[in-house]
Amino acid sequence: MPSNTTSHFFTVDVEEYFQARALESVVGRYEWLSRPSRVARSIDALLALLDRHGVRGTFFVLGWLAEHRPEVVAAIAGAGHEVASHGFAHECVTSLGTQAFREDVRSAKRVLEDLIGTEVAGYRAPNFSIVPGGEWAFDVLIEEGYRYDSSLFPIRRRGYGYPDAPRGPHLIQRPSGRLAEFPLATTSFFRYPVPAAGGGYLRHFPLGIIRRAFREASDRRESTTFYIHPWEVDEGQPRLPVSVLNRVRHYHGLDGTLARIDKLLAEFRFGSIAAYLPKLERSVPVLTTAGAA
């Protein structure tokens, strides 16, 4: 059993393997429907693992996937997990203008809510692409009826990262209102923040680094966020002809991902963001992000 009482957030970014950023150079969006779907078997494996540990998590689902693989979303909701939004077409916020982003998050929320029949409260940007200078996205999310975001990674990294974000759950005050924020887990070495929330970091880093991030958060009695993609537990997915760097990024460590998640679930307590959200909205002081004025 987990050795502490702090509950962290287990999250899944639900997308097909061919929608991953490392493969976008060889799979165009026009090809998505012609590629064989593999997401259902990976979701089944994750649902079974979570069920064995009695954990209910948050699944950030693409609107595109909800349209074309509704049975996958139904299985997630039917197993008692929270369904949240990953946007519609897996486009980075940094590549969209305000109106295009609004249409993306609005259409994703609508298709998901129509499918599961309950409110979709949360959003996560593809590739954690809300970065400094992109705070306008928070206003759009508030205006479109979202209650929380989980896109901020408190690190410095090329491509994404919001280094000044608080590490723990907090409230953001914006001109449009308030939005709860659930950042991704980090640790630090020599005061330098290191990403340790899961995903590729779970596959590439020693497991001890990931455990350290959640142990440190537990010691602070502060919940933090883990994430994984379904394709990261799919060792049998097709190998596509990408660069050496992207091949390592995407395919390294797939064979050990489920076992590593199993160890984390055995050591730490996890739950959904939705279960914690009312507490955050009631009791945590409002913090203001850069560019809020």
C-alpha atoms as a PDB file:
ATOM      1  CA  MET A   1       0.000   0.000   0.000  1.00  0.00           C
ATOM      2  CA  PRO A   2       1.120   3.622  -0.535  1.00  0.00           C
ATOM      3  CA  SER A   3       3.150   4.848   2.413  1.00  0.00           C
ATOM      4  CA  ASN A   4       1.691   8.379   2.656  1.00  0.00           C
ATOM      5  CA  THR A   5      -1.641  10.159   2.668  1.00  0.00           C
ATOM      6  CA  THR A   6      -0.986  12.763  -0.051  1.00  0.00           C
ATOM      7  CA  SER A   7      -2.947  11.948  -3.199  1.00  0.00           C
ATOM      8  CA  HIS A   8      -1.457  12.901  -6.562  1.00  0.00           C
ATOM      9  CA  PHE A   9      -3.137  13.134  -9.961  1.00  0.00           C
ATOM     10  CA  PHE A  10      -2.941  10.282 -12.463  1.00  0.00           C
ATOM     11  CA  THR A  11      -3.595  11.641 -15.955  1.00  0.00           C
ATOM     12  CA  VAL A  12      -3.585  10.211 -19.469  1.00  0.00           C
ATOM     13  CA  ASP A  13      -3.345  12.211 -22.705  1.00  0.00           C
ATOM     14  CA  VAL A  14      -5.558  10.115 -24.978  1.00  0.00           C
ATOM     15  CA  GLU A  15      -4.368  10.128 -28.569  1.00  0.00           C
ATOM     16  CA  GLU A  16      -3.350   7.628 -31.237  1.00  0.00           C
ATOM     17  CA  TYR A  17       0.316   6.741 -31.701  1.00  0.00           C
ATOM     18  CA  PHE A  18       0.356   8.447 -35.109  1.00  0.00           C
ATOM     19  CA  GLN A  19      -0.731  11.757 -33.558  1.00  0.00           C
ATOM     20  CA  ALA A  20       2.386  12.062 -31.405  1.00  0.00           C
ATOM     21  CA  ARG A  21       4.630  15.025 -32.094  1.00  0.00           C
ATOM     22  CA  ALA A  22       7.697  12.871 -32.813  1.00  0.00           C
ATOM     23  CA  LEU A  23       5.887  11.275 -35.771  1.00  0.00           C
ATOM     24  CA  GLU A  24       4.228  14.339 -37.295  1.00  0.00           C
ATOM     25  CA  SER A  25       6.962  14.664 -39.942  1.00  0.00           C
ATOM     26  CA  VAL A  26       5.889  11.350 -41.509  1.00  0.00           C
ATOM     27  CA  VAL A  27       2.136  11.220 -40.759  1.00  0.00           C
ATOM     28  CA  GLY A  28      -0.011  14.060 -42.071  1.00  0.00           C
ATOM     29  CA  ARG A  29      -3.389  14.852 -40.547  1.00  0.00           C
ATOM     30  CA  TYR A  30      -5.053  13.768 -43.799  1.00  0.00           C
ATOM     31  CA  GLU A  31      -3.716  10.236 -43.111  1.00  0.00           C
ATOM     32  CA  TRP A  32      -5.170   9.824 -39.635  1.00  0.00           C
ATOM     33  CA  LEU A  33      -8.299   7.966 -40.687  1.00  0.00           C
ATOM     34  CA  SER A  34      -6.362   5.606 -42.935  1.00  0.00           C
ATOM     35  CA  ARG A  35      -3.978   4.503 -40.181  1.00  0.00           C
ATOM     36  CA  PRO A  36      -4.914   1.457 -38.092  1.00  0.00           C
ATOM     37  CA  SER A  37      -6.219   2.461 -34.664  1.00  0.00           C
ATOM     38  CA  ARG A  38      -4.375   0.994 -31.682  1.00  0.00           C
ATOM     39  CA  VAL A  39      -5.577   3.243 -28.867  1.00  0.00           C
ATOM     40  CA  ALA A  40      -8.316   0.908 -27.551  1.00  0.00           C
ATOM     41  CA  ARG A  41      -5.955  -1.905 -26.534  1.00  0.00           C
ATOM     42  CA  SER A  42      -3.660   0.541 -24.741  1.00  0.00           C
ATOM     43  CA  ILE A  43      -6.567   2.153 -22.899  1.00  0.00           C
ATOM     44  CA  ASP A  44      -7.803  -1.294 -21.889  1.00  0.00           C
ATOM     45  CA  ALA A  45      -4.359  -2.080 -20.432  1.00  0.00           C
ATOM     46  CA  LEU A  46      -4.267   1.185 -18.482  1.00  0.00           C
ATOM     47  CA  LEU A  47      -7.832   0.757 -17.223  1.00  0.00           C
ATOM     48  CA  ALA A  48      -7.050  -2.754 -16.010  1.00  0.00           C
ATOM     49  CA  LEU A  49      -3.900  -1.577 -14.213  1.00  0.00           C
ATOM     50  CA  LEU A  50      -5.698   1.327 -12.558  1.00  0.00           C
ATOM     51  CA  ASP A  51      -8.538  -0.942 -11.516  1.00  0.00           C
ATOM     52  CA  ARG A  52      -6.121  -3.355  -9.818  1.00  0.00           C
ATOM     53  CA  HIS A  53      -4.862  -0.461  -7.702  1.00  0.00           C
ATOM     54  CA  GLY A  54      -8.288   1.024  -7.087  1.00  0.00           C
ATOM     55  CA  VAL A  55      -7.297   4.309  -8.778  1.00  0.00           C
ATOM     56  CA  ARG A  56      -9.573   6.656 -10.720  1.00  0.00           C
ATOM     57  CA  GLY A  57      -7.745   9.159 -12.914  1.00  0.00           C
ATOM     58  CA  THR A  58      -8.258  11.949 -15.418  1.00  0.00           C
ATOM     59  CA  PHE A  59      -8.156  11.208 -19.149  1.00  0.00           C
ATOM     60  CA  PHE A  60      -7.529  14.210 -21.432  1.00  0.00           C
ATOM     61  CA  VAL A  61      -9.149  13.098 -24.678  1.00  0.00           C
ATOM     62  CA  LEU A  62      -8.831  14.572 -28.178  1.00  0.00           C
ATOM     63  CA  GLY A  63     -12.142  15.688 -29.661  1.00  0.00           C
ATOM     64  CA  TRP A  64     -11.061  14.043 -32.930  1.00  0.00           C
ATOM     65  CA  LEU A  65     -10.676  10.727 -31.140  1.00  0.00           C
ATOM     66  CA  ALA A  66     -14.071  11.108 -29.457  1.00  0.00           C
ATOM     67  CA  GLU A  67     -15.639  11.574 -32.881  1.00  0.00           C
ATOM     68  CA  HIS A  68     -13.921   8.605 -34.489  1.00  0.00           C
ATOM     69  CA  ARG A  69     -13.389   6.221 -31.530  1.00  0.00           C
ATOM     70  CA  PRO A  70     -16.374   6.955 -29.256  1.00  0.00           C
ATOM     71  CA  GLU A  71     -16.266   3.463 -27.775  1.00  0.00           C
ATOM     72  CA  VAL A  72     -12.866   4.268 -26.230  1.00  0.00           C
ATOM     73  CA  VAL A  73     -14.235   7.339 -24.456  1.00  0.00           C
ATOM     74  CA  ALA A  74     -17.287   5.373 -23.334  1.00  0.00           C
ATOM     75  CA  ALA A  75     -14.992   2.726 -21.811  1.00  0.00           C
ATOM     76  CA  ILE A  76     -13.050   5.386 -19.889  1.00  0.00           C
ATOM     77  CA  ALA A  77     -16.177   7.057 -18.529  1.00  0.00           C
ATOM     78  CA  GLY A  78     -17.816   3.688 -17.849  1.00  0.00           C
ATOM     79  CA  ALA A  79     -14.875   2.681 -15.651  1.00  0.00           C
ATOM     80  CA  GLY A  80     -15.472   5.722 -13.445  1.00  0.00           C
ATOM     81  CA  HIS A  81     -12.646   7.971 -14.657  1.00  0.00           C
ATOM     82  CA  GLU A  82     -12.852  11.680 -15.368  1.00  0.00           C
ATOM     83  CA  VAL A  83     -12.979  12.694 -19.040  1.00  0.00           C
ATOM     84  CA  ALA A  84     -11.329  16.039 -19.821  1.00  0.00           C
ATOM     85  CA  SER A  85     -10.294  17.826 -23.025  1.00  0.00           C
ATOM     86  CA  HIS A  86      -7.009  17.584 -24.920  1.00  0.00           C
ATOM     87  CA  GLY A  87      -8.296  19.963 -27.584  1.00  0.00           C
ATOM     88  CA  PHE A  88      -9.822  18.763 -30.819  1.00  0.00           C
ATOM     89  CA  ALA A  89      -7.091  18.275 -33.410  1.00  0.00           C
ATOM     90  CA  HIS A  90      -3.872  18.012 -31.347  1.00  0.00           C
ATOM     91  CA  GLU A  91      -2.634  21.437 -32.383  1.00  0.00           C
ATOM     92  CA  CYS A  92      -0.201  23.340 -30.177  1.00  0.00           C
ATOM     93  CA  VAL A  93      -1.557  26.525 -28.664  1.00  0.00           C
ATOM     94  CA  THR A  94       1.562  28.310 -29.921  1.00  0.00           C
ATOM     95  CA  SER A  95       0.518  27.538 -33.510  1.00  0.00           C
ATOM     96  CA  LEU A  96      -3.019  28.922 -33.126  1.00  0.00           C
ATOM     97  CA  GLY A  97      -4.498  32.382 -32.926  1.00  0.00           C
ATOM     98  CA  THR A  98      -7.145  33.307 -30.400  1.00  0.00           C
ATOM     99  CA  GLN A  99     -10.128  32.446 -32.577  1.00  0.00           C
ATOM    100  CA  ALA A 100      -8.703  29.164 -33.862  1.00  0.00           C
ATOM    101  CA  PHE A 101      -7.876  28.133 -30.293  1.00  0.00           C
ATOM    102  CA  ARG A 102     -11.392  29.062 -29.179  1.00  0.00           C
ATOM    103  CA  GLU A 103     -12.933  26.937 -31.919  1.00  0.00           C
ATOM    104  CA  ASP A 104     -10.621  24.032 -31.061  1.00  0.00           C
ATOM    105  CA  VAL A 105     -11.410  23.941 -27.337  1.00  0.00           C
ATOM    106  CA  ARG A 106     -15.108  24.674 -27.873  1.00  0.00           C
ATOM    107  CA  SER A 107     -15.574  21.861 -30.381  1.00  0.00           C
ATOM    108  CA  ALA A 108     -13.639  19.391 -28.201  1.00  0.00           C
ATOM    109  CA  LYS A 109     -15.719  20.233 -25.129  1.00  0.00           C
ATOM    110  CA  ARG A 110     -18.959  19.921 -27.065  1.00  0.00           C
ATOM    111  CA  VAL A 111     -18.230  16.535 -28.639  1.00  0.00           C
ATOM    112  CA  LEU A 112     -16.976  15.071 -25.361  1.00  0.00           C
ATOM    113  CA  GLU A 113     -19.925  16.332 -23.320  1.00  0.00           C
ATOM    114  CA  ASP A 114     -22.402  15.088 -25.932  1.00  0.00           C
ATOM    115  CA  LEU A 115     -20.762  11.682 -25.766  1.00  0.00           C
ATOM    116  CA  ILE A 116     -20.474  11.199 -21.990  1.00  0.00           C
ATOM    117  CA  GLY A 117     -23.435  13.324 -20.881  1.00  0.00           C
ATOM    118  CA  THR A 118     -21.565  15.191 -18.130  1.00  0.00           C
ATOM    119  CA  GLU A 119     -19.539  18.376 -17.788  1.00  0.00           C
ATOM    120  CA  VAL A 120     -15.996  18.479 -19.142  1.00  0.00           C
ATOM    121  CA  ALA A 121     -14.219  20.770 -16.700  1.00  0.00           C
ATOM    122  CA  GLY A 122     -10.550  20.428 -17.606  1.00  0.00           C
ATOM    123  CA  TYR A 123      -8.137  21.045 -20.470  1.00  0.00           C
ATOM    124  CA  ARG A 124      -4.549  20.115 -21.276  1.00  0.00           C
ATOM    125  CA  ALA A 125      -2.741  21.665 -24.212  1.00  0.00           C
ATOM    126  CA  PRO A 126      -1.015  19.302 -26.641  1.00  0.00           C
ATOM    127  CA  ASN A 127       2.706  19.264 -25.862  1.00  0.00           C
ATOM    128  CA  PHE A 128       2.094  21.502 -22.807  1.00  0.00           C
ATOM    129  CA  SER A 129       2.077  24.430 -25.228  1.00  0.00           C
ATOM    130  CA  ILE A 130       0.803  27.203 -22.982  1.00  0.00           C
ATOM    131  CA  VAL A 131       4.043  29.107 -22.452  1.00  0.00           C
ATOM    132  CA  PRO A 132       4.998  32.593 -21.230  1.00  0.00           C
ATOM    133  CA  GLY A 133       3.293  35.082 -23.510  1.00  0.00           C
ATOM    134  CA  GLY A 134       0.403  32.707 -24.157  1.00  0.00           C
ATOM    135  CA  GLU A 135      -1.653  33.558 -21.073  1.00  0.00           C
ATOM    136  CA  TRP A 136      -4.474  34.732 -23.339  1.00  0.00           C
ATOM    137  CA  ALA A 137      -5.319  31.028 -23.648  1.00  0.00           C
ATOM    138  CA  PHE A 138      -6.450  31.026 -20.011  1.00  0.00           C
ATOM    139  CA  ASP A 139      -9.002  33.730 -20.819  1.00  0.00           C
ATOM    140  CA  VAL A 140     -10.365  31.687 -23.708  1.00  0.00           C
ATOM    141  CA  LEU A 141     -10.649  28.583 -21.529  1.00  0.00           C
ATOM    142  CA  ILE A 142     -12.553  30.536 -18.847  1.00  0.00           C
ATOM    143  CA  GLU A 143     -14.876  32.071 -21.432  1.00  0.00           C
ATOM    144  CA  GLU A 144     -15.551  28.633 -22.940  1.00  0.00           C
ATOM    145  CA  GLY A 145     -16.627  27.176 -19.597  1.00  0.00           C
ATOM    146  CA  TYR A 146     -13.510  25.305 -18.486  1.00  0.00           C
ATOM    147  CA  ARG A 147     -12.822  25.282 -14.749  1.00  0.00           C
ATOM    148  CA  TYR A 148      -9.196  24.126 -14.805  1.00  0.00           C
ATOM    149  CA  ASP A 149      -6.091  23.724 -16.926  1.00  0.00           C
ATOM    150  CA  SER A 150      -3.209  21.247 -16.603  1.00  0.00           C
ATOM    151  CA  SER A 151      -0.748  22.503 -19.208  1.00  0.00           C
ATOM    152  CA  LEU A 152       1.972  24.280 -17.250  1.00  0.00           C
ATOM    153  CA  PHE A 153       5.315  22.512 -16.876  1.00  0.00           C
ATOM    154  CA  PRO A 154       7.467  24.471 -14.378  1.00  0.00           C
ATOM    155  CA  ILE A 155      10.725  23.897 -16.293  1.00  0.00           C
ATOM    156  CA  ARG A 156      12.956  25.549 -18.880  1.00  0.00           C
ATOM    157  CA  ARG A 157      12.912  23.474 -22.037  1.00  0.00           C
ATOM    158  CA  ARG A 158      12.980  24.162 -25.743  1.00  0.00           C
ATOM    159  CA  GLY A 159       9.448  23.813 -27.129  1.00  0.00           C
ATOM    160  CA  TYR A 160       7.537  24.122 -23.870  1.00  0.00           C
ATOM    161  CA  GLY A 161       7.837  25.074 -20.245  1.00  0.00           C
ATOM    162  CA  TYR A 162       6.560  27.762 -17.878  1.00  0.00           C
ATOM    163  CA  PRO A 163       9.496  28.102 -15.457  1.00  0.00           C
ATOM    164  CA  ASP A 164       7.891  30.623 -13.100  1.00  0.00           C
ATOM    165  CA  ALA A 165       4.738  28.598 -12.468  1.00  0.00           C
ATOM    166  CA  PRO A 166       4.189  27.366  -8.901  1.00  0.00           C
ATOM    167  CA  ARG A 167       4.842  23.636  -8.593  1.00  0.00           C
ATOM    168  CA  GLY A 168       1.601  22.867  -6.766  1.00  0.00           C
ATOM    169  CA  PRO A 169      -2.076  23.276  -7.684  1.00  0.00           C
ATOM    170  CA  HIS A 170      -3.115  26.932  -7.621  1.00  0.00           C
ATOM    171  CA  LEU A 171      -5.694  29.387  -8.865  1.00  0.00           C
ATOM    172  CA  ILE A 172      -4.984  31.850 -11.660  1.00  0.00           C
ATOM    173  CA  GLN A 173      -6.737  35.224 -11.713  1.00  0.00           C
ATOM    174  CA  ARG A 174      -7.377  36.525 -15.214  1.00  0.00           C
ATOM    175  CA  PRO A 175      -9.437  39.378 -16.648  1.00  0.00           C
ATOM    176  CA  SER A 176     -12.057  36.779 -17.615  1.00  0.00           C
ATOM    177  CA  GLY A 177     -12.218  35.187 -14.170  1.00  0.00           C
ATOM    178  CA  ARG A 178     -10.467  32.434 -12.242  1.00  0.00           C
ATOM    179  CA  LEU A 179      -9.019  29.195 -13.514  1.00  0.00           C
ATOM    180  CA  ALA A 180      -7.533  26.366 -11.451  1.00  0.00           C
ATOM    181  CA  GLU A 181      -4.112  25.140 -12.583  1.00  0.00           C
ATOM    182  CA  PHE A 182      -2.565  21.692 -12.019  1.00  0.00           C
ATOM    183  CA  PRO A 183       1.125  21.786 -13.082  1.00  0.00           C
ATOM    184  CA  LEU A 184       3.186  18.744 -14.024  1.00  0.00           C
ATOM    185  CA  ALA A 185       5.567  17.161 -11.515  1.00  0.00           C
ATOM    186  CA  THR A 186       9.194  18.238 -11.277  1.00  0.00           C
ATOM    187  CA  THR A 187      12.182  17.645  -9.046  1.00  0.00           C
ATOM    188  CA  SER A 188      15.472  19.553  -8.964  1.00  0.00           C
ATOM    189  CA  PHE A 189      19.194  18.912  -9.033  1.00  0.00           C
ATOM    190  CA  PHE A 190      21.486  21.662  -7.783  1.00  0.00           C
ATOM    191  CA  ARG A 191      18.429  23.949  -7.769  1.00  0.00           C
ATOM    192  CA  TYR A 192      17.800  23.293 -11.470  1.00  0.00           C
ATOM    193  CA  PRO A 193      14.231  22.108 -12.149  1.00  0.00           C
ATOM    194  CA  VAL A 194      14.018  18.706 -13.829  1.00  0.00           C
ATOM    195  CA  PRO A 195      10.860  17.332 -15.482  1.00  0.00           C
ATOM    196  CA  ALA A 196       9.724  14.141 -13.755  1.00  0.00           C
ATOM    197  CA  ALA A 197       6.001  13.862 -14.388  1.00  0.00           C
ATOM    198  CA  GLY A 198       5.920  10.708 -16.505  1.00  0.00           C
ATOM    199  CA  GLY A 199       5.575  10.363 -20.257  1.00  0.00           C
ATOM    200  CA  GLY A 200       8.906  10.232 -22.061  1.00  0.00           C
ATOM    201  CA  TYR A 201      10.677  11.099 -18.815  1.00  0.00           C
ATOM    202  CA  LEU A 202       9.298   7.907 -17.276  1.00  0.00           C
ATOM    203  CA  ARG A 203      10.670   5.915 -20.214  1.00  0.00           C
ATOM    204  CA  HIS A 204      14.058   7.638 -20.497  1.00  0.00           C
ATOM    205  CA  PHE A 205      15.031   8.583 -16.940  1.00  0.00           C
ATOM    206  CA  PRO A 206      15.857   6.203 -14.105  1.00  0.00           C
ATOM    207  CA  LEU A 207      12.672   5.445 -12.200  1.00  0.00           C
ATOM    208  CA  GLY A 208      14.285   6.903  -9.084  1.00  0.00           C
ATOM    209  CA  ILE A 209      14.041  10.414 -10.558  1.00  0.00           C
ATOM    210  CA  ILE A 210      10.285  10.077 -11.072  1.00  0.00           C
ATOM    211  CA  ARG A 211       9.849   8.588  -7.599  1.00  0.00           C
ATOM    212  CA  ARG A 212      11.877  11.442  -6.144  1.00  0.00           C
ATOM    213  CA  ALA A 213       9.509  14.058  -7.608  1.00  0.00           C
ATOM    214  CA  PHE A 214       6.426  12.423  -6.106  1.00  0.00           C
ATOM    215  CA  ARG A 215       8.152  11.666  -2.812  1.00  0.00           C
ATOM    216  CA  GLU A 216       9.236  15.307  -2.493  1.00  0.00           C
ATOM    217  CA  ALA A 217       5.722  16.521  -3.242  1.00  0.00           C
ATOM    218  CA  SER A 218       4.349  14.053  -0.687  1.00  0.00           C
ATOM    219  CA  ASP A 219       6.815  15.335   1.896  1.00  0.00           C
ATOM    220  CA  ARG A 220       5.548  18.867   1.208  1.00  0.00           C
ATOM    221  CA  ARG A 221       1.993  17.496   1.497  1.00  0.00           C
ATOM    222  CA  GLU A 222       1.410  18.944  -1.944  1.00  0.00           C
ATOM    223  CA  SER A 223      -0.357  17.060  -4.735  1.00  0.00           C
ATOM    224  CA  THR A 224       1.353  16.933  -8.125  1.00  0.00           C
ATOM    225  CA  THR A 225       0.569  15.522 -11.557  1.00  0.00           C
ATOM    226  CA  PHE A 226       1.654  12.396 -13.450  1.00  0.00           C
ATOM    227  CA  TYR A 227       0.906  11.852 -17.143  1.00  0.00           C
ATOM    228  CA  ILE A 228       1.230   9.124 -19.760  1.00  0.00           C
ATOM    229  CA  HIS A 229       0.044   8.522 -23.344  1.00  0.00           C
ATOM    230  CA  PRO A 230      -1.682   5.289 -24.433  1.00  0.00           C
ATOM    231  CA  TRP A 231       0.924   4.698 -27.150  1.00  0.00           C
ATOM    232  CA  GLU A 232       3.621   4.636 -24.453  1.00  0.00           C
ATOM    233  CA  VAL A 233       2.335   1.270 -23.256  1.00  0.00           C
ATOM    234  CA  ASP A 234       2.074  -0.150 -26.801  1.00  0.00           C
ATOM    235  CA  GLU A 235       5.256  -2.036 -27.551  1.00  0.00           C
ATOM    236  CA  GLY A 236       3.792  -3.483 -30.757  1.00  0.00           C
ATOM    237  CA  GLN A 237       3.005  -0.216 -32.542  1.00  0.00           C
ATOM    238  CA  PRO A 238       4.430   0.236 -36.066  1.00  0.00           C
ATOM    239  CA  ARG A 239       7.943   1.650 -36.336  1.00  0.00           C
ATOM    240  CA  LEU A 240       7.832   4.623 -38.680  1.00  0.00           C
ATOM    241  CA  PRO A 241      10.828   6.087 -40.589  1.00  0.00           C
ATOM    242  CA  VAL A 242      11.622   9.153 -38.500  1.00  0.00           C
ATOM    243  CA  SER A 243      14.948  10.720 -37.549  1.00  0.00           C
ATOM    244  CA  VAL A 244      17.219   8.970 -35.066  1.00  0.00           C
ATOM    245  CA  LEU A 245      16.374  11.560 -32.410  1.00  0.00           C
ATOM    246  CA  ASN A 246      12.622  11.149 -32.853  1.00  0.00           C
ATOM    247  CA  ARG A 247      12.964   7.373 -33.009  1.00  0.00           C
ATOM    248  CA  VAL A 248      14.658   7.400 -29.611  1.00  0.00           C
ATOM    249  CA  ARG A 249      12.128   9.888 -28.208  1.00  0.00           C
ATOM    250  CA  HIS A 250       9.121   7.894 -29.313  1.00  0.00           C
ATOM    251  CA  TYR A 251      10.110   4.227 -29.127  1.00  0.00           C
ATOM    252  CA  HIS A 252      12.668   3.951 -26.320  1.00  0.00           C
ATOM    253  CA  GLY A 253      11.433   2.136 -23.222  1.00  0.00           C
ATOM    254  CA  LEU A 254       7.972   1.140 -24.452  1.00  0.00           C
ATOM    255  CA  ASP A 255       8.458  -2.408 -23.198  1.00  0.00           C
ATOM    256  CA  GLY A 256       8.863  -1.326 -19.580  1.00  0.00           C
ATOM    257  CA  THR A 257       6.281   1.440 -19.213  1.00  0.00           C
ATOM    258  CA  LEU A 258       3.441  -0.564 -17.663  1.00  0.00           C
ATOM    259  CA  ALA A 259       5.745  -2.146 -15.096  1.00  0.00           C
ATOM    260  CA  ARG A 260       7.067   1.277 -14.087  1.00  0.00           C
ATOM    261  CA  ILE A 261       3.556   2.692 -13.740  1.00  0.00           C
ATOM    262  CA  ASP A 262       2.621  -0.341 -11.647  1.00  0.00           C
ATOM    263  CA  LYS A 263       5.469   0.423  -9.230  1.00  0.00           C
ATOM    264  CA  LEU A 264       4.415   4.069  -8.892  1.00  0.00           C
ATOM    265  CA  LEU A 265       0.799   3.105  -8.273  1.00  0.00           C
ATOM    266  CA  ALA A 266       1.940   0.720  -5.549  1.00  0.00           C
ATOM    267  CA  GLU A 267       4.074   3.349  -3.812  1.00  0.00           C
ATOM    268  CA  PHE A 268       2.008   6.543  -4.097  1.00  0.00           C
ATOM    269  CA  ARG A 269      -1.647   7.487  -3.851  1.00  0.00           C
ATOM    270  CA  PHE A 270      -3.304   8.778  -7.001  1.00  0.00           C
ATOM    271  CA  GLY A 271      -6.723  10.112  -7.941  1.00  0.00           C
ATOM    272  CA  SER A 272      -8.474  12.325 -10.469  1.00  0.00           C
ATOM    273  CA  ILE A 273      -8.191  16.081 -10.757  1.00  0.00           C
ATOM    274  CA  ALA A 274     -11.989  16.391 -10.586  1.00  0.00           C
ATOM    275  CA  ALA A 275     -12.026  14.876  -7.098  1.00  0.00           C
ATOM    276  CA  TYR A 276      -9.647  17.582  -5.825  1.00  0.00           C
ATOM    277  CA  LEU A 277     -10.967  20.561  -7.812  1.00  0.00           C
ATOM    278  CA  PRO A 278     -13.705  21.732  -5.395  1.00  0.00           C
ATOM    279  CA  LYS A 279     -11.208  21.839  -2.530  1.00  0.00           C
ATOM    280  CA  LEU A 280      -8.815  23.964  -4.573  1.00  0.00           C
ATOM    281  CA  GLU A 281     -11.541  26.328  -5.714  1.00  0.00           C
ATOM    282  CA  ARG A 282     -12.642  26.847  -2.084  1.00  0.00           C
ATOM    283  CA  SER A 283      -9.461  27.127  -0.114  1.00  0.00           C
ATOM    284  CA  VAL A 284      -6.281  28.104  -1.987  1.00  0.00           C
ATOM    285  CA  PRO A 285      -5.368  31.793  -2.314  1.00  0.00           C
ATOM    286  CA  VAL A 286      -5.602  33.175  -5.841  1.00  0.00           C
ATOM    287  CA  LEU A 287      -2.262  33.585  -7.598  1.00  0.00           C
ATOM    288  CA  THR A 288      -1.665  35.783 -10.610  1.00  0.00           C
ATOM    289  CA  THR A 289       0.388  34.599 -13.559  1.00  0.00           C
ATOM    290  CA  ALA A 290       2.589  36.826 -15.696  1.00  0.00           C
ATOM    291  CA  GLY A 291       0.578  38.885 -18.131  1.00  0.00           C
ATOM    292  CA  ALA A 292      -2.614  38.739 -16.090  1.00  0.00           C
ATOM    293  CA  ALA A 293      -3.200  42.464 -16.185  1.00  0.00           C
END
